[in-house]
């Protein structure tokens, strides 16, 4: 998906870790199903 390539989330905030990115991805893609 490309989230691993950067630390900025879609809303412009910067994630503190890959775990935060993963959590955000799960929330985003989980909500779009």
Protein backbone atom coordinates (compact mmCIF):
# COMPACT_ATOMS: atom_id res chain seq x y z
CA UNK A 1 0.00 0.00 0.00
CA UNK A 2 2.98 2.27 0.51
CA UNK A 3 2.36 3.20 4.14
CA UNK A 4 5.70 1.64 5.06
CA UNK A 5 7.48 4.17 2.86
CA UNK A 6 6.59 7.22 4.91
CA UNK A 7 5.54 8.27 8.37
CA UNK A 8 2.88 10.79 7.36
CA UNK A 9 -0.69 9.65 7.69
CA UNK A 10 -3.31 10.69 5.10
CA UNK A 11 -4.56 13.48 7.36
CA UNK A 12 -1.08 15.02 7.51
CA UNK A 13 -0.08 13.94 10.99
CA UNK A 14 3.18 12.11 11.56
CA UNK A 15 3.02 8.66 13.08
CA UNK A 16 5.40 7.93 15.92
CA UNK A 17 6.02 4.37 14.77
CA UNK A 18 5.17 1.72 12.20
CA UNK A 19 2.67 0.35 14.70
CA UNK A 20 0.77 3.62 14.53
CA UNK A 21 0.83 3.45 10.74
CA UNK A 22 -0.47 -0.09 10.83
CA UNK A 23 -3.24 0.86 13.22
CA UNK A 24 -4.20 3.77 10.99
CA UNK A 25 -4.19 1.54 7.92
CA UNK A 26 -6.40 -1.01 9.65
CA UNK A 27 -8.81 1.74 10.69
CA UNK A 28 -8.90 3.30 7.21
CA UNK A 29 -9.19 0.12 5.17
CA UNK A 30 -11.41 -1.58 7.71
CA UNK A 31 -13.88 1.30 7.53
CA UNK A 32 -13.92 1.28 3.72
CA UNK A 33 -15.07 -2.34 3.48
